[in-house]
Amino acid sequence: MKKIVVFSTSDNIKKIFSAGHLERLSKLGSLAVYDRNDYNDREYVLDFIKDSELIITAWGSPKIDDEMIHLCPALRGIIHAG
C-alpha cells in the first residue's frame, strides 16, 4: 500500500486539512500525519518520511533534502498545500 505523509507541524495541519480531507487521503494509501510542532529530532523526521510515495508539505515544512529523497525510492510526488 502507498505511504502518504502529511508533513507539516500539527498546528498547521489542523488549519489546512479538515477531517474530511484527511479521510479522503487515507483512502488513497497508508496515511501518516506528522504529530509534532517542530523538526528538531532529525532521526524522527527521517523515520517519518522513509518509504513515502507522496509527501504533502505546508507552511513551515522543512526543505525536502537529498537525504530524505533517498529514503523514499518509490517517491512519486511532493505537493505543497497552503
N, C-alpha and C. Protein backbone atom coordinates (compact mmCIF):
# COMPACT_ATOMS: atom_id res chain seq x y z
N MET A 1 0.84 -1.18 0.00
CA MET A 1 0.00 0.00 0.00
C MET A 1 0.88 1.24 0.00
N LYS A 2 0.49 2.27 -0.72
CA LYS A 2 1.19 3.53 -0.79
C LYS A 2 1.30 4.20 0.56
N LYS A 3 2.46 4.77 0.86
CA LYS A 3 2.61 5.58 2.07
C LYS A 3 2.51 7.04 1.68
N ILE A 4 1.52 7.71 2.25
CA ILE A 4 1.28 9.12 2.01
C ILE A 4 1.54 9.84 3.33
N VAL A 5 2.38 10.86 3.30
CA VAL A 5 2.65 11.59 4.54
C VAL A 5 2.24 13.05 4.40
N VAL A 6 1.62 13.55 5.45
CA VAL A 6 1.32 14.97 5.58
C VAL A 6 2.39 15.51 6.53
N PHE A 7 3.28 16.34 5.98
CA PHE A 7 4.50 16.73 6.68
C PHE A 7 4.52 18.23 6.94
N SER A 8 3.86 18.61 8.01
CA SER A 8 3.87 19.99 8.50
C SER A 8 3.62 19.90 9.99
N THR A 9 3.77 21.01 10.68
CA THR A 9 3.52 20.96 12.12
C THR A 9 2.06 20.59 12.37
N SER A 10 1.82 19.97 13.50
CA SER A 10 0.44 19.55 13.80
C SER A 10 -0.50 20.76 13.87
N ASP A 11 0.01 21.91 14.33
CA ASP A 11 -0.82 23.12 14.35
C ASP A 11 -1.23 23.53 12.94
N ASN A 12 -0.29 23.52 12.00
CA ASN A 12 -0.61 23.89 10.62
C ASN A 12 -1.54 22.88 9.96
N ILE A 13 -1.33 21.62 10.25
CA ILE A 13 -2.18 20.59 9.66
C ILE A 13 -3.64 20.83 10.05
N LYS A 14 -3.87 21.19 11.31
CA LYS A 14 -5.23 21.47 11.77
C LYS A 14 -5.84 22.66 11.05
N LYS A 15 -5.01 23.64 10.66
CA LYS A 15 -5.50 24.83 9.96
C LYS A 15 -5.81 24.55 8.49
N ILE A 16 -5.08 23.62 7.89
CA ILE A 16 -5.15 23.42 6.44
C ILE A 16 -6.07 22.26 6.05
N PHE A 17 -6.05 21.18 6.81
CA PHE A 17 -6.78 19.97 6.44
C PHE A 17 -7.94 19.71 7.39
N SER A 18 -9.11 19.53 6.81
CA SER A 18 -10.26 19.12 7.62
C SER A 18 -10.19 17.62 7.84
N ALA A 19 -11.01 17.12 8.73
CA ALA A 19 -11.09 15.68 8.94
C ALA A 19 -11.48 14.98 7.64
N GLY A 20 -12.34 15.62 6.86
CA GLY A 20 -12.76 15.04 5.58
C GLY A 20 -11.61 14.93 4.59
N HIS A 21 -10.75 15.96 4.57
CA HIS A 21 -9.58 15.90 3.69
C HIS A 21 -8.69 14.72 4.05
N LEU A 22 -8.41 14.60 5.33
CA LEU A 22 -7.53 13.51 5.78
C LEU A 22 -8.16 12.15 5.53
N GLU A 23 -9.47 12.07 5.69
CA GLU A 23 -10.16 10.80 5.43
C GLU A 23 -10.03 10.41 3.95
N ARG A 24 -10.20 11.38 3.06
CA ARG A 24 -10.07 11.10 1.62
C ARG A 24 -8.65 10.66 1.28
N LEU A 25 -7.66 11.32 1.86
CA LEU A 25 -6.28 10.93 1.63
C LEU A 25 -6.02 9.50 2.11
N SER A 26 -6.63 9.15 3.24
CA SER A 26 -6.41 7.80 3.80
C SER A 26 -6.97 6.71 2.91
N LYS A 27 -7.90 7.04 2.04
CA LYS A 27 -8.45 6.06 1.11
C LYS A 27 -7.51 5.79 -0.06
N LEU A 28 -6.51 6.67 -0.23
CA LEU A 28 -5.56 6.51 -1.33
C LEU A 28 -4.34 5.70 -0.94
N GLY A 29 -4.15 5.49 0.36
CA GLY A 29 -2.98 4.74 0.82
C GLY A 29 -2.88 4.79 2.32
N SER A 30 -1.75 4.36 2.81
CA SER A 30 -1.48 4.39 4.24
C SER A 30 -1.06 5.81 4.62
N LEU A 31 -1.92 6.51 5.34
CA LEU A 31 -1.71 7.92 5.65
C LEU A 31 -0.98 8.08 6.98
N ALA A 32 0.09 8.87 6.96
CA ALA A 32 0.82 9.23 8.18
C ALA A 32 0.78 10.75 8.30
N VAL A 33 0.32 11.23 9.44
CA VAL A 33 0.22 12.67 9.68
C VAL A 33 1.23 13.05 10.75
N TYR A 34 2.10 13.99 10.44
CA TYR A 34 3.15 14.41 11.37
C TYR A 34 2.50 14.90 12.66
N ASP A 35 3.04 14.46 13.78
CA ASP A 35 2.39 14.70 15.07
C ASP A 35 3.18 15.60 16.02
N ARG A 36 4.10 16.38 15.46
CA ARG A 36 4.91 17.28 16.28
C ARG A 36 4.84 18.70 15.75
N ASN A 37 5.27 19.64 16.59
CA ASN A 37 5.27 21.04 16.18
C ASN A 37 6.66 21.58 15.89
N ASP A 38 7.64 20.69 15.75
CA ASP A 38 8.98 21.10 15.36
C ASP A 38 9.65 19.95 14.63
N TYR A 39 10.82 20.25 14.10
CA TYR A 39 11.57 19.26 13.32
C TYR A 39 12.96 19.06 13.92
N ASN A 40 13.09 19.26 15.21
CA ASN A 40 14.39 19.22 15.88
C ASN A 40 15.00 17.83 15.95
N ASP A 41 14.19 16.80 15.96
CA ASP A 41 14.69 15.43 16.05
C ASP A 41 14.85 14.86 14.63
N ARG A 42 16.01 15.05 14.07
CA ARG A 42 16.26 14.67 12.67
C ARG A 42 15.99 13.17 12.45
N GLU A 43 16.39 12.35 13.41
CA GLU A 43 16.17 10.91 13.28
C GLU A 43 14.67 10.59 13.18
N TYR A 44 13.87 11.24 14.00
CA TYR A 44 12.42 11.05 13.96
C TYR A 44 11.86 11.48 12.60
N VAL A 45 12.31 12.65 12.12
CA VAL A 45 11.86 13.18 10.84
C VAL A 45 12.19 12.20 9.71
N LEU A 46 13.42 11.71 9.68
CA LEU A 46 13.83 10.79 8.62
C LEU A 46 13.03 9.49 8.67
N ASP A 47 12.78 9.00 9.87
CA ASP A 47 12.00 7.78 10.01
C ASP A 47 10.56 8.01 9.56
N PHE A 48 10.04 9.19 9.85
CA PHE A 48 8.67 9.53 9.45
C PHE A 48 8.54 9.56 7.93
N ILE A 49 9.49 10.17 7.26
CA ILE A 49 9.47 10.33 5.81
C ILE A 49 9.78 9.04 5.05
N LYS A 50 10.59 8.19 5.65
CA LYS A 50 11.11 6.99 4.97
C LYS A 50 10.01 6.19 4.27
N ASP A 51 10.30 5.79 3.03
CA ASP A 51 9.45 4.95 2.20
C ASP A 51 8.15 5.61 1.74
N SER A 52 8.08 6.94 1.80
CA SER A 52 6.88 7.64 1.32
C SER A 52 6.81 7.60 -0.20
N GLU A 53 5.60 7.51 -0.70
CA GLU A 53 5.38 7.64 -2.14
C GLU A 53 4.85 9.03 -2.48
N LEU A 54 4.22 9.67 -1.51
CA LEU A 54 3.70 11.02 -1.70
C LEU A 54 3.95 11.79 -0.41
N ILE A 55 4.57 12.95 -0.53
CA ILE A 55 4.82 13.83 0.62
C ILE A 55 4.04 15.11 0.39
N ILE A 56 3.20 15.46 1.36
CA ILE A 56 2.44 16.71 1.29
C ILE A 56 3.00 17.64 2.35
N THR A 57 3.56 18.76 1.90
CA THR A 57 4.11 19.75 2.80
C THR A 57 3.15 20.93 2.91
N ALA A 58 3.46 21.83 3.83
CA ALA A 58 2.66 23.05 4.00
C ALA A 58 3.55 24.11 4.60
N TRP A 59 2.97 25.23 4.98
CA TRP A 59 3.72 26.33 5.57
C TRP A 59 4.63 25.81 6.67
N GLY A 60 5.85 26.26 6.66
CA GLY A 60 6.78 25.92 7.72
C GLY A 60 7.42 24.55 7.64
N SER A 61 7.06 23.76 6.65
CA SER A 61 7.70 22.45 6.50
C SER A 61 9.16 22.65 6.14
N PRO A 62 10.02 21.77 6.64
CA PRO A 62 11.42 21.89 6.25
C PRO A 62 11.63 21.51 4.79
N LYS A 63 12.74 21.94 4.25
CA LYS A 63 13.09 21.58 2.88
C LYS A 63 13.22 20.06 2.78
N ILE A 64 12.66 19.51 1.73
CA ILE A 64 12.82 18.08 1.46
C ILE A 64 14.19 17.94 0.78
N ASP A 65 15.16 17.44 1.53
CA ASP A 65 16.53 17.41 1.04
C ASP A 65 16.88 16.05 0.40
N ASP A 66 18.10 15.98 -0.12
CA ASP A 66 18.54 14.76 -0.80
C ASP A 66 18.48 13.53 0.09
N GLU A 67 18.84 13.68 1.35
CA GLU A 67 18.80 12.53 2.26
C GLU A 67 17.38 11.99 2.39
N MET A 68 16.41 12.89 2.51
CA MET A 68 15.01 12.47 2.62
C MET A 68 14.56 11.77 1.33
N ILE A 69 14.91 12.34 0.21
CA ILE A 69 14.51 11.76 -1.07
C ILE A 69 15.12 10.37 -1.26
N HIS A 70 16.36 10.19 -0.85
CA HIS A 70 17.00 8.87 -0.98
C HIS A 70 16.34 7.82 -0.09
N LEU A 71 15.66 8.26 0.96
CA LEU A 71 14.95 7.32 1.83
C LEU A 71 13.60 6.91 1.26
N CYS A 72 13.25 7.49 0.14
CA CYS A 72 11.94 7.24 -0.49
C CYS A 72 12.11 6.80 -1.93
N PRO A 73 12.62 5.59 -2.15
CA PRO A 73 12.91 5.15 -3.53
C PRO A 73 11.67 5.08 -4.43
N ALA A 74 10.50 4.96 -3.85
CA ALA A 74 9.27 4.89 -4.65
C ALA A 74 8.53 6.24 -4.70
N LEU A 75 9.21 7.33 -4.30
CA LEU A 75 8.58 8.64 -4.25
C LEU A 75 8.04 9.03 -5.62
N ARG A 76 6.78 9.40 -5.65
CA ARG A 76 6.13 9.78 -6.91
C ARG A 76 5.79 11.26 -6.95
N GLY A 77 5.77 11.92 -5.77
CA GLY A 77 5.44 13.34 -5.80
C GLY A 77 5.59 14.02 -4.47
N ILE A 78 5.85 15.31 -4.57
CA ILE A 78 5.87 16.20 -3.40
C ILE A 78 4.90 17.33 -3.72
N ILE A 79 3.94 17.51 -2.86
CA ILE A 79 2.89 18.51 -3.07
C ILE A 79 2.92 19.49 -1.90
N HIS A 80 2.78 20.78 -2.22
CA HIS A 80 2.73 21.78 -1.16
C HIS A 80 1.31 22.31 -1.04
N ALA A 81 0.74 22.21 0.15
CA ALA A 81 -0.60 22.71 0.42
C ALA A 81 -0.50 23.98 1.25
N GLY A 82 -1.37 24.89 1.04
CA GLY A 82 -1.31 26.12 1.83
C GLY A 82 -2.58 26.90 1.76
